[in-house]
Protein backbone atom coordinates (compact mmCIF):
# COMPACT_ATOMS: atom_id res chain seq x y z
CA UNK A 1 -43.60 -78.84 91.30
CA UNK A 2 -40.48 -77.32 93.11
CA UNK A 3 -39.41 -73.65 91.44
CA UNK A 4 -36.04 -75.23 90.61
CA UNK A 5 -37.23 -78.25 88.73
CA UNK A 6 -36.44 -78.26 84.89
CA UNK A 7 -39.78 -77.17 82.89
CA UNK A 8 -41.26 -80.28 81.59
CA UNK A 9 -39.92 -81.31 78.02
CA UNK A 10 -41.93 -82.50 74.86
CA UNK A 11 -41.13 -86.13 73.99
CA UNK A 12 -42.15 -88.25 71.01
CA UNK A 13 -41.69 -92.01 70.21
CA UNK A 14 -41.51 -95.09 72.25
CA UNK A 15 -40.28 -95.46 75.42
CA UNK A 16 -39.39 -98.81 77.17
CA UNK A 17 -37.53 -100.13 79.89
CA UNK A 18 -34.41 -102.40 79.63
CA UNK A 19 -33.53 -105.03 82.37
CA UNK A 20 -29.91 -104.80 83.54
CA UNK A 21 -28.28 -107.16 86.02
CA UNK A 22 -28.44 -105.67 89.47
CA UNK A 23 -24.95 -106.47 90.12
CA UNK A 24 -23.65 -105.04 86.71
CA UNK A 25 -22.53 -101.51 87.70
CA UNK A 26 -20.99 -100.61 84.41
CA UNK A 27 -23.08 -101.72 81.19
CA UNK A 28 -25.26 -99.07 81.70
CA UNK A 29 -23.19 -95.82 82.09
CA UNK A 30 -21.01 -97.62 79.52
CA UNK A 31 -24.07 -97.65 76.97
CA UNK A 32 -24.71 -94.00 77.94
CA UNK A 33 -21.41 -92.88 77.10
CA UNK A 34 -21.29 -94.64 74.07
CA UNK A 35 -24.90 -92.74 73.00
CA UNK A 36 -22.97 -89.48 73.61
CA UNK A 37 -21.46 -87.40 70.83
CA UNK A 38 -17.90 -86.35 70.83
CA UNK A 39 -18.39 -82.93 71.77
CA UNK A 40 -20.63 -84.22 75.07
CA UNK A 41 -17.92 -86.96 75.66
CA UNK A 42 -15.54 -84.23 75.53
CA UNK A 43 -17.37 -81.81 78.21
CA UNK A 44 -18.22 -85.01 80.48
CA UNK A 45 -14.53 -85.94 80.57
CA UNK A 46 -13.41 -82.07 81.17
CA UNK A 47 -15.62 -81.66 83.91
CA UNK A 48 -14.62 -85.10 85.50
CA UNK A 49 -11.12 -84.09 85.21
CA UNK A 50 -11.62 -80.60 86.68
CA UNK A 51 -13.59 -82.09 89.75
CA UNK A 52 -10.78 -84.73 90.56
CA UNK A 53 -7.90 -82.61 90.04
CA UNK A 54 -7.92 -81.82 94.03
CA UNK A 55 -8.57 -85.34 94.62
CA UNK A 56 -5.66 -88.12 96.18
CA UNK A 57 -4.11 -89.79 93.36
CA UNK A 58 -4.89 -93.44 94.89
CA UNK A 59 -8.51 -92.03 94.42
CA UNK A 60 -8.19 -91.23 91.03
CA UNK A 61 -6.71 -94.43 90.08
CA UNK A 62 -9.68 -96.36 91.85
CA UNK A 63 -12.30 -94.29 89.96
CA UNK A 64 -10.67 -94.72 86.80
CA UNK A 65 -10.68 -98.24 86.98
CA UNK A 66 -14.70 -97.77 87.47
CA UNK A 67 -14.36 -95.50 84.48
CA UNK A 68 -12.29 -98.11 82.39
CA UNK A 69 -14.97 -100.94 83.49
CA UNK A 70 -17.71 -98.86 82.02
CA UNK A 71 -15.91 -98.15 78.76
CA UNK A 72 -12.19 -98.23 78.12
CA UNK A 73 -11.95 -95.02 76.22
CA UNK A 74 -13.57 -93.50 78.85
CA UNK A 75 -11.11 -94.58 81.52
CA UNK A 76 -7.98 -93.73 79.42
CA UNK A 77 -9.61 -90.19 78.81
CA UNK A 78 -10.02 -89.51 82.18
CA UNK A 79 -6.71 -90.94 83.13
CA UNK A 80 -4.93 -88.70 80.17
CA UNK A 81 -6.58 -85.81 81.45
CA UNK A 82 -5.31 -86.38 85.00
CA UNK A 83 -1.90 -86.55 83.51
CA UNK A 84 -1.68 -90.33 84.77
CA UNK A 85 -0.91 -91.77 81.27
CA UNK A 86 0.64 -90.13 78.29
CA UNK A 87 -1.58 -88.54 75.75
């Protein structure tokens, strides 16, 4: 185990895999976004906005479409944070 790896975490309960269409790049991230608490969503949006502030507007718009396809709220919140839509 590398020295910078996270230590093992105790887990309980049942684990299973869920099949996703390999051509569907949006359902799984959208499902994950919707599982986050509001605080986690806000932190995620803040981190994405901070990382994308210096990116060209054309690329920001393209990436927002990916977020929107995963979850409409996700895309709107990133676009709002980047000042591309009114709050």
